[in-house]
C-alpha atoms as a PDB file:
ATOM      1  CA  UNK A   1     -45.703  21.669  79.381  1.00  0.00           C
ATOM      2  CA  UNK A   2     -45.318  21.605  83.131  1.00  0.00           C
ATOM      3  CA  UNK A   3     -43.856  24.581  84.930  1.00  0.00           C
ATOM      4  CA  UNK A   4     -40.876  22.563  86.211  1.00  0.00           C
ATOM      5  CA  UNK A   5     -39.889  21.513  82.717  1.00  0.00           C
ATOM      6  CA  UNK A   6     -40.337  25.038  81.375  1.00  0.00           C
ATOM      7  CA  UNK A   7     -37.870  26.323  83.968  1.00  0.00           C
ATOM      8  CA  UNK A   8     -35.606  23.278  83.928  1.00  0.00           C
ATOM      9  CA  UNK A   9     -34.750  23.248  80.236  1.00  0.00           C
ATOM     10  CA  UNK A  10     -33.291  26.797  80.128  1.00  0.00           C
ATOM     11  CA  UNK A  11     -31.461  26.056  83.383  1.00  0.00           C
ATOM     12  CA  UNK A  12     -29.863  22.971  81.837  1.00  0.00           C
ATOM     13  CA  UNK A  13     -28.744  24.984  78.812  1.00  0.00           C
ATOM     14  CA  UNK A  14     -27.272  27.578  81.165  1.00  0.00           C
ATOM     15  CA  UNK A  15     -25.358  24.898  83.075  1.00  0.00           C
ATOM     16  CA  UNK A  16     -24.101  23.414  79.819  1.00  0.00           C
ATOM     17  CA  UNK A  17     -22.875  26.859  78.767  1.00  0.00           C
ATOM     18  CA  UNK A  18     -21.072  27.359  82.080  1.00  0.00           C
ATOM     19  CA  UNK A  19     -19.362  23.981  81.908  1.00  0.00           C
ATOM     20  CA  UNK A  20     -18.329  24.409  78.277  1.00  0.00           C
ATOM     21  CA  UNK A  21     -16.805  27.873  78.822  1.00  0.00           C
ATOM     22  CA  UNK A  22     -15.269  27.286  82.255  1.00  0.00           C
ATOM     23  CA  UNK A  23     -11.688  26.946  81.028  1.00  0.00           C
ATOM     24  CA  UNK A  24     -11.745  29.674  78.396  1.00  0.00           C
ATOM     25  CA  UNK A  25      -9.727  32.794  79.108  1.00  0.00           C
ATOM     26  CA  UNK A  26      -8.799  31.857  82.640  1.00  0.00           C
ATOM     27  CA  UNK A  27      -5.688  34.020  82.588  1.00  0.00           C
ATOM     28  CA  UNK A  28      -3.749  31.775  80.253  1.00  0.00           C
ATOM     29  CA  UNK A  29      -1.061  33.940  78.687  1.00  0.00           C
ATOM     30  CA  UNK A  30       0.848  31.187  76.948  1.00  0.00           C
ATOM     31  CA  UNK A  31      -0.449  28.785  74.372  1.00  0.00           C
ATOM     32  CA  UNK A  32      -1.286  28.665  70.707  1.00  0.00           C
ATOM     33  CA  UNK A  33      -3.438  31.843  70.907  1.00  0.00           C
ATOM     34  CA  UNK A  34      -1.642  34.412  73.093  1.00  0.00           C
ATOM     35  CA  UNK A  35      -3.976  37.292  72.216  1.00  0.00           C
ATOM     36  CA  UNK A  36      -3.691  40.750  70.729  1.00  0.00           C
ATOM     37  CA  UNK A  37      -1.928  42.333  73.711  1.00  0.00           C
ATOM     38  CA  UNK A  38       0.800  39.740  73.725  1.00  0.00           C
ATOM     39  CA  UNK A  39       1.513  39.792  70.016  1.00  0.00           C
ATOM     40  CA  UNK A  40       0.523  43.014  68.315  1.00  0.00           C
ATOM     41  CA  UNK A  41       0.497  45.700  71.002  1.00  0.00           C
ATOM     42  CA  UNK A  42       3.778  44.652  72.650  1.00  0.00           C
ATOM     43  CA  UNK A  43       5.476  44.404  69.271  1.00  0.00           C
ATOM     44  CA  UNK A  44       4.546  47.947  68.247  1.00  0.00           C
ATOM     45  CA  UNK A  45       5.299  49.311  71.725  1.00  0.00           C
ATOM     46  CA  UNK A  46       8.828  47.872  71.633  1.00  0.00           C
ATOM     47  CA  UNK A  47       9.356  49.318  68.155  1.00  0.00           C
ATOM     48  CA  UNK A  48       8.473  52.763  69.497  1.00  0.00           C
ATOM     49  CA  UNK A  49      10.726  52.370  72.546  1.00  0.00           C
ATOM     50  CA  UNK A  50       7.939  51.990  75.108  1.00  0.00           C
ATOM     51  CA  UNK A  51       7.953  49.158  77.614  1.00  0.00           C
ATOM     52  CA  UNK A  52       5.034  47.789  79.594  1.00  0.00           C
ATOM     53  CA  UNK A  53       4.540  49.252  83.061  1.00  0.00           C
ATOM     54  CA  UNK A  54       2.081  48.471  85.830  1.00  0.00           C
ATOM     55  CA  UNK A  55      -1.196  50.425  85.864  1.00  0.00           C
ATOM     56  CA  UNK A  56      -1.557  53.481  88.082  1.00  0.00           C
ATOM     57  CA  UNK A  57      -4.648  52.044  89.781  1.00  0.00           C
ATOM     58  CA  UNK A  58      -4.419  48.260  89.814  1.00  0.00           C
ATOM     59  CA  UNK A  59      -8.008  46.995  89.852  1.00  0.00           C
ATOM     60  CA  UNK A  60      -6.917  43.351  89.830  1.00  0.00           C
ATOM     61  CA  UNK A  61      -6.180  43.445  93.545  1.00  0.00           C
ATOM     62  CA  UNK A  62      -8.899  42.533  95.994  1.00  0.00           C
ATOM     63  CA  UNK A  63     -12.411  43.856  95.537  1.00  0.00           C
ATOM     64  CA  UNK A  64     -11.525  47.291  94.171  1.00  0.00           C
ATOM     65  CA  UNK A  65     -13.083  46.592  90.776  1.00  0.00           C
ATOM     66  CA  UNK A  66     -16.297  45.326  92.410  1.00  0.00           C
ATOM     67  CA  UNK A  67     -16.437  48.442  94.570  1.00  0.00           C
ATOM     68  CA  UNK A  68     -16.037  50.682  91.523  1.00  0.00           C
ATOM     69  CA  UNK A  69     -18.869  48.865  89.730  1.00  0.00           C
ATOM     70  CA  UNK A  70     -21.042  49.179  92.853  1.00  0.00           C
ATOM     71  CA  UNK A  71     -20.311  52.893  93.068  1.00  0.00           C
ATOM     72  CA  UNK A  72     -21.044  53.469  89.383  1.00  0.00           C
ATOM     73  CA  UNK A  73     -24.272  51.451  89.652  1.00  0.00           C
ATOM     74  CA  UNK A  74     -25.413  53.442  92.676  1.00  0.00           C
ATOM     75  CA  UNK A  75     -24.711  56.789  90.998  1.00  0.00           C
ATOM     76  CA  UNK A  76     -26.326  55.672  87.743  1.00  0.00           C
ATOM     77  CA  UNK A  77     -29.348  54.241  89.549  1.00  0.00           C
ATOM     78  CA  UNK A  78     -29.850  57.409  91.543  1.00  0.00           C
ATOM     79  CA  UNK A  79     -29.614  59.593  88.442  1.00  0.00           C
ATOM     80  CA  UNK A  80     -31.936  57.348  86.431  1.00  0.00           C
ATOM     81  CA  UNK A  81     -34.457  57.216  89.281  1.00  0.00           C
ATOM     82  CA  UNK A  82     -34.388  60.943  89.816  1.00  0.00           C
ATOM     83  CA  UNK A  83     -34.909  61.828  86.182  1.00  0.00           C
ATOM     84  CA  UNK A  84     -37.505  59.080  85.727  1.00  0.00           C
ATOM     85  CA  UNK A  85     -39.553  60.577  88.563  1.00  0.00           C
ATOM     86  CA  UNK A  86     -39.131  63.980  87.049  1.00  0.00           C
ATOM     87  CA  UNK A  87     -40.162  62.823  83.596  1.00  0.00           C
ATOM     88  CA  UNK A  88     -43.232  60.889  84.692  1.00  0.00           C
ATOM     89  CA  UNK A  89     -44.667  63.024  87.503  1.00  0.00           C
ATOM     90  CA  UNK A  90     -43.926  66.502  86.153  1.00  0.00           C
ATOM     91  CA  UNK A  91     -44.994  65.591  82.642  1.00  0.00           C
ATOM     92  CA  UNK A  92     -48.294  64.189  83.919  1.00  0.00           C
ATOM     93  CA  UNK A  93     -48.847  67.341  86.035  1.00  0.00           C
ATOM     94  CA  UNK A  94     -48.306  69.553  82.974  1.00  0.00           C
ATOM     95  CA  UNK A  95     -50.712  67.409  80.937  1.00  0.00           C
ATOM     96  CA  UNK A  96     -53.346  67.565  83.691  1.00  0.00           C
ATOM     97  CA  UNK A  97     -53.064  71.364  83.925  1.00  0.00           C
ATOM     98  CA  UNK A  98     -53.376  71.745  80.169  1.00  0.00           C
ATOM     99  CA  UNK A  99     -56.392  69.439  79.983  1.00  0.00           C
ATOM    100  CA  UNK A 100     -58.156  71.389  82.752  1.00  0.00           C
ATOM    101  CA  UNK A 101     -57.955  74.652  80.778  1.00  0.00           C
END
């Protein structure tokens, strides 16, 4: 099989997936399937005397959610990189010292 076909077939399946799921869950609150939050959670909250209130930190505004993911990725990447270096280099140094004895 040619390289173009090998890359093109998965790409076509990916495009088909994107087109078929484009309208799903696009913030539609009304309809035949309103979701768990709209039916179950609100029902039990009203029974207990609690009403819905806005979140303390609203991540739906602007790029705040993207910034938080970027920050978490940077912290996680730094920690993973630091401990990976420590695991690989220090472990190999200990093994080299023990093998030289």
